[in-house]
Amino acid sequence: MLTEQQLKDIEKLQEVCEEHGCYRLKLNDDMLRSRTHNKDDYFYYERDVLIGYLGLYGFGSSYELCGMVHPDFRRRGIFSSLFHQAVSSLKERRINKLLINSPGSSLTGKAFTSSLPAPYSFSEYQMKWKPRDLEPVNEDIQLAPVTKEDRGLILELDYLCFNVGRDDSMEFMEHVQQEAGNSSFVIKYKGRKSGKIHIQREQDRSYIFGFAVHPSLQGRGIGSAVLAKTVHTESMAGRSIYLEVAAKNDNALKLYEKAGFVSYQVQDYFVFEGL
């Protein structure tokens, strides 16, 4: 568990790094605040000031890694040292995959990953809905709260649409259900269960994630109709709407851009092959 002082130190260093680089770091504040042990956080202090930080984020047998070093203290091997500590810990845990996350516009991030056996895997686009006239809601689309009976469908969708294994999918599902403000829905098209969508609500913001339509039903306008319905509900409640979508090319973004979402940040992911 992280202390309040550690959380404040991370936040302060994050602000400095983001202002200097004109990008946003994906440090998953909600996961930092719900840590249950001290195996996933690595710190470097000088004179009681946090200079470097690296965080690990576990999703079943897969992990993501993101970190930062104060701009005035770079090129001193600080992040490399933190990285090797983290990798040593992960090797003891026998995990299956490690993804290194770096803002798409970060030159230091690109330089670091290029020095590792870590080929590019995909990019995650962080998008925000730009207010406009709302589209009519398709009455053939219904969103029903996820129940235990839907577990098999969720597992199938995670595997087919995101290549996520059973154990990782189960752990992620439990994490989502435990977090306050999260809602999970099964998408029904003309009464048939066709996909899933998660929504996290924080004050005046709504975040869409884990959105998937079964491959056998794609190309029928279901995705567009679900986005339109969700946007209508959340915007009428006075919330700004955000989403994250993983894509290997810009064409995959057309569904979201057509619905009125605009990309404001890109996160690149690299698969580390040195475990």
Protein backbone atom coordinates (compact mmCIF):
# COMPACT_ATOMS: atom_id res chain seq x y z
CA MET A 1 0.00 0.00 0.00
CA LEU A 2 1.32 3.44 -0.93
CA THR A 3 1.37 6.18 1.68
CA GLU A 4 -0.34 9.52 1.14
CA GLN A 5 3.11 11.14 0.94
CA GLN A 6 4.23 8.73 -1.77
CA LEU A 7 1.06 9.41 -3.75
CA LYS A 8 1.64 13.17 -3.44
CA ASP A 9 5.27 12.74 -4.54
CA ILE A 10 4.19 10.73 -7.61
CA GLU A 11 1.57 13.33 -8.51
CA LYS A 12 4.06 16.20 -8.17
CA LEU A 13 6.70 14.47 -10.32
CA GLN A 14 4.06 13.56 -12.88
CA GLU A 15 3.02 17.20 -13.22
CA VAL A 16 6.64 18.28 -13.79
CA CYS A 17 7.26 15.58 -16.42
CA GLU A 18 3.99 16.20 -18.25
CA GLU A 19 4.49 19.96 -18.37
CA HIS A 20 8.05 19.51 -19.67
CA GLY A 21 7.11 16.92 -22.31
CA CYS A 22 3.66 18.26 -23.29
CA TYR A 23 2.14 14.81 -22.94
CA ARG A 24 0.20 12.75 -20.41
CA LEU A 25 1.57 9.75 -18.55
CA LYS A 26 -0.71 6.79 -17.94
CA LEU A 27 0.05 6.05 -14.29
CA ASN A 28 -3.39 4.62 -13.45
CA ASP A 29 -4.10 6.68 -10.34
CA ASP A 30 -7.02 4.44 -9.35
CA MET A 31 -4.75 1.39 -9.21
CA LEU A 32 -2.05 3.27 -7.29
CA ARG A 33 -4.58 4.13 -4.62
CA SER A 34 -5.75 0.53 -4.29
CA ARG A 35 -2.34 -1.16 -3.95
CA THR A 36 -2.32 -4.12 -1.56
CA HIS A 37 1.46 -4.73 -1.44
CA ASN A 38 4.76 -2.98 -2.23
CA LYS A 39 6.03 -5.18 -5.07
CA ASP A 40 4.83 -2.98 -7.93
CA ASP A 41 6.28 0.45 -7.10
CA TYR A 42 9.89 1.58 -7.47
CA PHE A 43 11.19 4.94 -6.24
CA TYR A 44 14.37 6.97 -6.54
CA TYR A 45 14.75 9.90 -4.11
CA GLU A 46 17.44 12.53 -3.68
CA ARG A 47 17.28 14.73 -0.58
CA ASP A 48 13.73 13.55 0.12
CA VAL A 49 12.58 14.64 -3.35
CA LEU A 50 11.18 12.02 -5.72
CA ILE A 51 13.32 12.01 -8.87
CA GLY A 52 12.30 8.76 -10.52
CA TYR A 53 9.30 6.43 -10.31
CA LEU A 54 8.23 3.22 -12.05
CA GLY A 55 4.90 1.46 -11.60
CA LEU A 56 3.77 -2.03 -12.54
CA TYR A 57 0.12 -2.79 -13.22
CA GLY A 58 -0.97 -6.42 -13.17
CA PHE A 59 -3.84 -7.85 -15.18
CA GLY A 60 -3.77 -11.55 -14.40
CA SER A 61 -0.58 -13.05 -15.84
CA SER A 62 0.14 -9.90 -17.89
CA TYR A 63 1.68 -6.68 -16.64
CA GLU A 64 2.01 -3.12 -17.91
CA LEU A 65 4.86 -0.78 -16.96
CA CYS A 66 5.02 2.98 -16.96
CA GLY A 67 7.39 5.42 -15.28
CA MET A 68 9.16 8.76 -15.31
CA VAL A 69 12.31 10.64 -14.32
CA HIS A 70 12.57 14.34 -13.52
CA PRO A 71 13.76 16.21 -16.67
CA ASP A 72 16.78 17.66 -14.83
CA PHE A 73 18.04 14.21 -13.81
CA ARG A 74 17.80 12.24 -17.04
CA ARG A 75 20.69 10.42 -18.78
CA ARG A 76 22.00 9.23 -15.42
CA GLY A 77 20.70 5.66 -15.63
CA ILE A 78 18.00 6.24 -13.03
CA PHE A 79 15.15 4.78 -15.05
CA SER A 80 17.29 1.87 -16.27
CA SER A 81 18.02 0.99 -12.65
CA LEU A 82 14.33 1.11 -11.70
CA PHE A 83 13.46 -0.92 -14.79
CA HIS A 84 15.94 -3.70 -13.99
CA GLN A 85 14.63 -3.89 -10.41
CA ALA A 86 11.10 -4.28 -11.71
CA VAL A 87 12.08 -6.91 -14.30
CA SER A 88 13.93 -8.93 -11.64
CA SER A 89 10.80 -8.95 -9.53
CA LEU A 90 8.61 -10.01 -12.47
CA LYS A 91 10.93 -12.88 -13.37
CA GLU A 92 10.39 -14.30 -9.90
CA ARG A 93 6.63 -14.14 -10.45
CA ARG A 94 6.77 -16.06 -13.77
CA ILE A 95 4.43 -13.75 -15.66
CA ASN A 96 3.49 -14.32 -19.32
CA LYS A 97 3.74 -10.81 -20.78
CA LEU A 98 5.12 -7.36 -20.00
CA LEU A 99 3.95 -4.32 -21.97
CA ILE A 100 5.98 -1.12 -21.70
CA ASN A 101 3.82 1.98 -22.01
CA SER A 102 5.17 5.30 -23.28
CA PRO A 103 3.40 8.47 -24.49
CA GLY A 104 3.46 8.51 -28.28
CA SER A 105 5.21 11.89 -28.39
CA SER A 106 7.85 11.07 -25.75
CA LEU A 107 11.32 11.11 -27.35
CA THR A 108 12.96 9.76 -24.20
CA GLY A 109 10.41 6.94 -24.10
CA LYS A 110 11.18 6.01 -27.71
CA ALA A 111 14.92 6.10 -27.03
CA PHE A 112 14.57 3.84 -24.00
CA THR A 113 12.36 1.22 -25.64
CA SER A 114 14.59 1.16 -28.73
CA SER A 115 17.48 0.09 -26.48
CA LEU A 116 15.54 -2.98 -25.32
CA PRO A 117 14.33 -6.21 -26.91
CA ALA A 118 10.87 -4.64 -27.01
CA PRO A 119 9.19 -4.39 -30.44
CA TYR A 120 6.21 -2.10 -30.98
CA SER A 121 2.87 -3.84 -30.40
CA PHE A 122 0.03 -1.31 -30.70
CA SER A 123 -1.12 2.20 -29.86
CA GLU A 124 -3.89 3.20 -27.50
CA TYR A 125 -5.81 6.33 -28.44
CA GLN A 126 -7.32 8.39 -25.65
CA MET A 127 -10.35 10.20 -27.03
CA LYS A 128 -12.95 12.71 -25.87
CA TRP A 129 -16.43 13.26 -27.24
CA LYS A 130 -16.88 16.68 -28.82
CA PRO A 131 -20.41 17.95 -28.10
CA ARG A 132 -22.66 18.07 -31.14
CA ASP A 133 -26.23 17.28 -32.09
CA LEU A 134 -27.13 13.87 -30.70
CA GLU A 135 -28.08 11.07 -33.07
CA PRO A 136 -31.45 9.31 -32.68
CA VAL A 137 -31.29 6.33 -30.33
CA ASN A 138 -31.72 2.96 -32.03
CA GLU A 139 -34.47 1.14 -30.12
CA ASP A 140 -33.11 -2.22 -31.28
CA ILE A 141 -30.16 -1.65 -28.94
CA GLN A 142 -30.51 -2.33 -25.23
CA LEU A 143 -27.90 -2.30 -22.45
CA ALA A 144 -28.50 -4.78 -19.61
CA PRO A 145 -26.38 -5.02 -16.43
CA VAL A 146 -23.93 -7.92 -16.52
CA THR A 147 -24.94 -10.95 -14.43
CA LYS A 148 -23.19 -14.20 -13.51
CA GLU A 149 -24.95 -15.84 -16.45
CA ASP A 150 -23.05 -13.54 -18.81
CA ARG A 151 -19.60 -14.64 -17.65
CA GLY A 152 -19.13 -17.07 -20.55
CA LEU A 153 -19.99 -14.38 -23.08
CA ILE A 154 -17.59 -11.89 -21.48
CA LEU A 155 -14.77 -14.46 -21.59
CA GLU A 156 -15.50 -15.21 -25.23
CA LEU A 157 -15.58 -11.54 -26.21
CA ASP A 158 -12.32 -10.77 -24.39
CA TYR A 159 -10.61 -13.65 -26.21
CA LEU A 160 -12.04 -12.96 -29.67
CA CYS A 161 -11.81 -9.16 -29.60
CA PHE A 162 -8.79 -8.49 -27.35
CA ASN A 163 -6.86 -11.79 -27.37
CA VAL A 164 -7.16 -11.92 -23.56
CA GLY A 165 -7.00 -15.34 -21.89
CA ARG A 166 -9.55 -16.76 -19.48
CA ASP A 167 -7.64 -16.13 -16.24
CA ASP A 168 -6.72 -12.54 -17.16
CA SER A 169 -10.29 -11.85 -18.25
CA MET A 170 -11.71 -13.21 -14.99
CA GLU A 171 -9.32 -11.12 -12.88
CA PHE A 172 -10.07 -7.97 -14.86
CA MET A 173 -13.81 -8.59 -14.57
CA GLU A 174 -13.53 -8.89 -10.78
CA HIS A 175 -11.43 -5.71 -10.62
CA VAL A 176 -14.00 -3.77 -12.65
CA GLN A 177 -16.89 -4.96 -10.50
CA GLN A 178 -15.11 -4.02 -7.27
CA GLU A 179 -14.23 -0.46 -8.30
CA ALA A 180 -16.71 2.20 -7.21
CA GLY A 181 -18.41 4.04 -10.06
CA ASN A 182 -18.05 1.21 -12.59
CA SER A 183 -20.99 -0.19 -14.51
CA SER A 184 -20.80 -3.20 -16.85
CA PHE A 185 -23.40 -3.91 -19.50
CA VAL A 186 -24.22 -6.63 -22.00
CA ILE A 187 -25.24 -5.25 -25.38
CA LYS A 188 -28.47 -6.67 -26.76
CA TYR A 189 -29.33 -6.26 -30.43
CA LYS A 190 -32.94 -7.16 -31.22
CA GLY A 191 -32.96 -9.17 -28.00
CA ARG A 192 -29.79 -11.12 -28.81
CA LYS A 193 -26.72 -10.74 -26.61
CA SER A 194 -24.16 -9.23 -28.96
CA GLY A 195 -21.35 -7.52 -27.01
CA LYS A 196 -20.30 -5.67 -23.88
CA ILE A 197 -19.35 -2.23 -22.64
CA HIS A 198 -18.01 -0.83 -19.36
CA ILE A 199 -18.56 2.71 -18.10
CA GLN A 200 -16.68 4.33 -15.23
CA ARG A 201 -18.24 7.49 -13.80
CA GLU A 202 -16.16 9.99 -11.84
CA GLN A 203 -17.94 13.20 -10.85
CA ASP A 204 -18.64 15.00 -14.15
CA ARG A 205 -16.77 12.51 -16.36
CA SER A 206 -17.63 9.16 -17.91
CA TYR A 207 -15.01 6.75 -19.27
CA ILE A 208 -15.93 4.04 -21.77
CA PHE A 209 -13.72 0.95 -21.87
CA GLY A 210 -13.81 -2.77 -22.66
CA PHE A 211 -16.23 -2.09 -25.54
CA ALA A 212 -16.65 -5.05 -27.89
CA VAL A 213 -19.18 -6.42 -30.39
CA HIS A 214 -19.05 -10.13 -31.24
CA PRO A 215 -17.14 -10.62 -34.53
CA SER A 216 -20.06 -12.58 -36.02
CA LEU A 217 -22.27 -9.50 -35.63
CA GLN A 218 -19.87 -6.76 -36.65
CA GLY A 219 -20.62 -4.66 -39.72
CA ARG A 220 -24.31 -4.23 -38.85
CA GLY A 221 -24.04 -0.82 -37.23
CA ILE A 222 -24.31 -2.21 -33.70
CA GLY A 223 -21.13 -0.49 -32.50
CA SER A 224 -22.20 2.90 -33.82
CA ALA A 225 -25.66 2.51 -32.30
CA VAL A 226 -24.24 1.55 -28.89
CA LEU A 227 -21.89 4.54 -28.89
CA ALA A 228 -24.76 6.85 -29.86
CA LYS A 229 -26.95 5.47 -27.07
CA THR A 230 -24.17 5.71 -24.48
CA VAL A 231 -23.21 9.24 -25.52
CA HIS A 232 -26.86 10.29 -25.32
CA THR A 233 -27.28 8.90 -21.79
CA GLU A 234 -24.02 10.27 -20.38
CA SER A 235 -24.20 13.70 -22.05
CA MET A 236 -27.79 14.21 -20.90
CA ALA A 237 -26.49 13.61 -17.37
CA GLY A 238 -24.05 16.50 -17.87
CA ARG A 239 -20.88 14.41 -18.08
CA SER A 240 -17.89 14.75 -20.39
CA ILE A 241 -17.25 11.44 -22.17
CA TYR A 242 -13.88 9.77 -22.70
CA LEU A 243 -12.73 6.45 -24.06
CA GLU A 244 -9.57 4.51 -24.82
CA VAL A 245 -9.23 2.30 -27.87
CA ALA A 246 -6.31 0.10 -28.90
CA ALA A 247 -5.53 0.17 -32.61
CA LYS A 248 -2.67 -0.67 -34.96
CA ASN A 249 -3.79 1.82 -37.61
CA ASP A 250 -5.90 4.95 -37.95
CA ASN A 251 -8.64 3.08 -39.85
CA ALA A 252 -9.65 1.35 -36.63
CA LEU A 253 -10.55 4.76 -35.18
CA LYS A 254 -13.21 5.61 -37.76
CA LEU A 255 -16.04 4.12 -35.70
CA TYR A 256 -15.25 6.46 -32.81
CA GLU A 257 -14.51 9.52 -34.93
CA LYS A 258 -17.81 9.02 -36.72
CA ALA A 259 -19.53 9.08 -33.31
CA GLY A 260 -17.91 12.44 -32.51
CA PHE A 261 -14.83 11.37 -30.54
CA VAL A 262 -11.55 13.25 -31.06
CA SER A 263 -8.12 11.84 -30.16
CA TYR A 264 -6.13 14.01 -27.74
CA GLN A 265 -3.37 11.62 -26.63
CA VAL A 266 -1.68 8.46 -27.93
CA GLN A 267 0.02 5.85 -25.77
CA ASP A 268 2.41 3.40 -27.46
CA TYR A 269 2.91 -0.13 -26.17
CA PHE A 270 5.96 -2.36 -26.61
CA VAL A 271 6.25 -6.06 -25.74
CA PHE A 272 9.33 -6.75 -23.62
CA GLU A 273 10.98 -9.98 -24.75
CA GLY A 274 13.61 -10.20 -22.02
CA LEU A 275 11.66 -12.02 -19.32
